[in-house]
Amino acid sequence: MELPKYILGDNTDFPNAIFVIHTDFPRFIINLEDDEVEWLEDFDQHDEKELELEMENLINGATAFYDREIARYED
């Protein structure tokens, strides 16, 4: 099955949370309410250093996806 790179998620147990799920490596879920990230991958020390450099781009990508989706709902 082919998945989109990003998926929006919500949950009534977390009414203020806006979740974006990133399905490509490195897979993660970010809560845009507080920018908390839950990684769905295990990383070694080499990966962690690379991830620190890429983290800002990944969060910006998730935020841009959310903004695009909301703009499409508003149209």
C-alpha atoms as a PDB file:
ATOM      1  CA  MET A   1       0.000   0.000   0.000  1.00  0.00           C
ATOM      2  CA  GLU A   2       1.253   3.458  -0.847  1.00  0.00           C
ATOM      3  CA  LEU A   3       0.804   6.001   1.938  1.00  0.00           C
ATOM      4  CA  PRO A   4       0.925   9.788   1.719  1.00  0.00           C
ATOM      5  CA  LYS A   5       3.984  11.381   3.294  1.00  0.00           C
ATOM      6  CA  TYR A   6       1.818  13.163   5.892  1.00  0.00           C
ATOM      7  CA  ILE A   7      -1.523  12.282   7.485  1.00  0.00           C
ATOM      8  CA  LEU A   8      -3.665  14.458   9.774  1.00  0.00           C
ATOM      9  CA  GLY A   9      -4.991  12.843  12.924  1.00  0.00           C
ATOM     10  CA  ASP A  10      -7.247  13.839  15.775  1.00  0.00           C
ATOM     11  CA  ASN A  11      -8.612  12.209  18.873  1.00  0.00           C
ATOM     12  CA  THR A  12     -11.478  13.289  21.118  1.00  0.00           C
ATOM     13  CA  ASP A  13      -9.391  12.378  24.185  1.00  0.00           C
ATOM     14  CA  PHE A  14      -7.074  15.249  23.164  1.00  0.00           C
ATOM     15  CA  PRO A  15      -9.496  17.948  21.979  1.00  0.00           C
ATOM     16  CA  ASN A  16      -6.864  20.681  21.528  1.00  0.00           C
ATOM     17  CA  ALA A  17      -4.241  18.492  19.859  1.00  0.00           C
ATOM     18  CA  ILE A  18      -3.521  18.575  16.135  1.00  0.00           C
ATOM     19  CA  PHE A  19      -1.528  15.508  15.132  1.00  0.00           C
ATOM     20  CA  VAL A  20       0.466  15.177  11.924  1.00  0.00           C
ATOM     21  CA  ILE A  21       1.845  11.711  11.176  1.00  0.00           C
ATOM     22  CA  HIS A  22       4.975  11.537   9.012  1.00  0.00           C
ATOM     23  CA  THR A  23       5.037   8.150   7.261  1.00  0.00           C
ATOM     24  CA  ASP A  24       8.477   8.342   5.577  1.00  0.00           C
ATOM     25  CA  PHE A  25      11.736   7.666   7.384  1.00  0.00           C
ATOM     26  CA  PRO A  26      12.132   8.867  10.020  1.00  0.00           C
ATOM     27  CA  ARG A  27       8.530   8.155  10.987  1.00  0.00           C
ATOM     28  CA  PHE A  28       7.075  10.335  13.712  1.00  0.00           C
ATOM     29  CA  ILE A  29       3.936  11.947  15.073  1.00  0.00           C
ATOM     30  CA  ILE A  30       3.991  15.622  15.994  1.00  0.00           C
ATOM     31  CA  ASN A  31       1.393  17.394  18.065  1.00  0.00           C
ATOM     32  CA  LEU A  32       1.264  20.880  16.558  1.00  0.00           C
ATOM     33  CA  GLU A  33      -0.380  22.219  19.715  1.00  0.00           C
ATOM     34  CA  ASP A  34       2.922  21.989  21.600  1.00  0.00           C
ATOM     35  CA  ASP A  35       5.418  20.663  18.967  1.00  0.00           C
ATOM     36  CA  GLU A  36       5.903  17.466  20.983  1.00  0.00           C
ATOM     37  CA  VAL A  37       7.326  14.715  18.762  1.00  0.00           C
ATOM     38  CA  GLU A  38       6.956  10.966  19.214  1.00  0.00           C
ATOM     39  CA  TRP A  39       9.452   9.026  17.100  1.00  0.00           C
ATOM     40  CA  LEU A  40       8.332   5.699  15.658  1.00  0.00           C
ATOM     41  CA  GLU A  41      11.895   4.645  14.881  1.00  0.00           C
ATOM     42  CA  ASP A  42      14.869   3.471  16.911  1.00  0.00           C
ATOM     43  CA  PHE A  43      18.030   5.501  16.317  1.00  0.00           C
ATOM     44  CA  ASP A  44      21.703   4.863  16.900  1.00  0.00           C
ATOM     45  CA  GLN A  45      24.181   7.628  17.785  1.00  0.00           C
ATOM     46  CA  HIS A  46      24.977   8.362  14.122  1.00  0.00           C
ATOM     47  CA  ASP A  47      21.284   8.677  13.276  1.00  0.00           C
ATOM     48  CA  GLU A  48      20.661  10.968  16.247  1.00  0.00           C
ATOM     49  CA  LYS A  49      23.285  13.475  15.094  1.00  0.00           C
ATOM     50  CA  GLU A  50      21.841  13.521  11.579  1.00  0.00           C
ATOM     51  CA  LEU A  51      18.324  13.773  12.985  1.00  0.00           C
ATOM     52  CA  GLU A  52      19.217  16.848  15.037  1.00  0.00           C
ATOM     53  CA  LEU A  53      20.267  18.587  11.813  1.00  0.00           C
ATOM     54  CA  GLU A  54      17.091  17.543   9.970  1.00  0.00           C
ATOM     55  CA  MET A  55      14.605  18.094  12.812  1.00  0.00           C
ATOM     56  CA  GLU A  56      13.746  21.693  11.916  1.00  0.00           C
ATOM     57  CA  ASN A  57      13.057  20.740   8.275  1.00  0.00           C
ATOM     58  CA  LEU A  58      10.829  17.836   9.345  1.00  0.00           C
ATOM     59  CA  ILE A  59       8.766  20.019  11.687  1.00  0.00           C
ATOM     60  CA  ASN A  60       8.500  22.780   9.072  1.00  0.00           C
ATOM     61  CA  GLY A  61       7.315  20.197   6.532  1.00  0.00           C
ATOM     62  CA  ALA A  62       4.638  18.894   8.897  1.00  0.00           C
ATOM     63  CA  THR A  63       3.473  22.430   9.675  1.00  0.00           C
ATOM     64  CA  ALA A  64       3.361  23.377   5.981  1.00  0.00           C
ATOM     65  CA  PHE A  65       1.309  20.245   5.260  1.00  0.00           C
ATOM     66  CA  TYR A  66      -1.176  21.182   7.988  1.00  0.00           C
ATOM     67  CA  ASP A  67      -1.463  24.765   6.720  1.00  0.00           C
ATOM     68  CA  ARG A  68      -2.057  23.510   3.165  1.00  0.00           C
ATOM     69  CA  GLU A  69      -4.742  21.059   4.279  1.00  0.00           C
ATOM     70  CA  ILE A  70      -6.579  23.685   6.345  1.00  0.00           C
ATOM     71  CA  ALA A  71      -6.469  26.124   3.425  1.00  0.00           C
ATOM     72  CA  ARG A  72      -8.052  23.458   1.212  1.00  0.00           C
ATOM     73  CA  TYR A  73     -10.863  22.913   3.740  1.00  0.00           C
ATOM     74  CA  GLU A  74     -11.554  26.632   3.805  1.00  0.00           C
ATOM     75  CA  ASP A  75     -11.925  26.841  -0.012  1.00  0.00           C
END
